[in-house]
Amino acid sequence: MKIIVLAGGYSNERDVSLNSGASVCKALRERGHQAYLLDAFMGLDWDSNKLEEVFNQEDGGLGIAADIQIKEPDLDALWASRPGDSLSYLGPNVLELCSMADITFMALHGSLGENGKLQSAFDILGIRYTGPNSLGCALSMDKGVDRTDAWSHPTEMLFPGYSMLRSLLQMVTGKCIRRCGRLAPSVLAWCKSRL
């Protein structure tokens, strides 16, 4: 498989992300995949007509993580070191390479990789990726919502999707009652037993 391991980015957790991304990329390459470690913020300055070649690079992009020291980066210096004057948090060719891959492995830490915005963009562009969808990311980043809802609804913690099922059943039973005036007693009993 062609896999982009998306790491780095513009956050205080950049070095941790590059380090873990490099481990993932190396493991994928050892298993025969055409994996490439890509820094989401710096991107890859590459001829856009030859991007397919990236997946065949001998080092798999692992060079960007060779001297990582796992320390908090100087974000101002990082921004200044980036070529060009783009205000985007995604570097050159990031979206193009992720689109070309069979899947993008999300090894980003911090808000860019965890708040759901990048996942939303990927959803819109049809880019396949690992991890939770944009809504799951957004909800888990809001610690107040995450803690309150999780502990007040333990069934939902144990059975992911339970709240969706409950909402769907409420919607269906409500519509049926409004349209038909009643539900078959066995259907209503089944629905109520699951609410």
Foldseek 3Di string as FASTA:
>chain_A
DEEEAEAQFQDQQRLVLLVVSLVVQVVCVVVPFLYAYAYFQQGDPDPPVPLVCQSVDPVRPNVVNPPRDRGGDDNVVVQVPRPDDDPDRGHPCPVVSLQVGPEYEYSYDDCVRQQLPVLVVCVVVVGHYDDDHSVVSNQVVPVVNVVVVCVVCVVCVVPPCLVVLLVVLVVVQVVCCVVVVHDDVVSVVVNVVSD
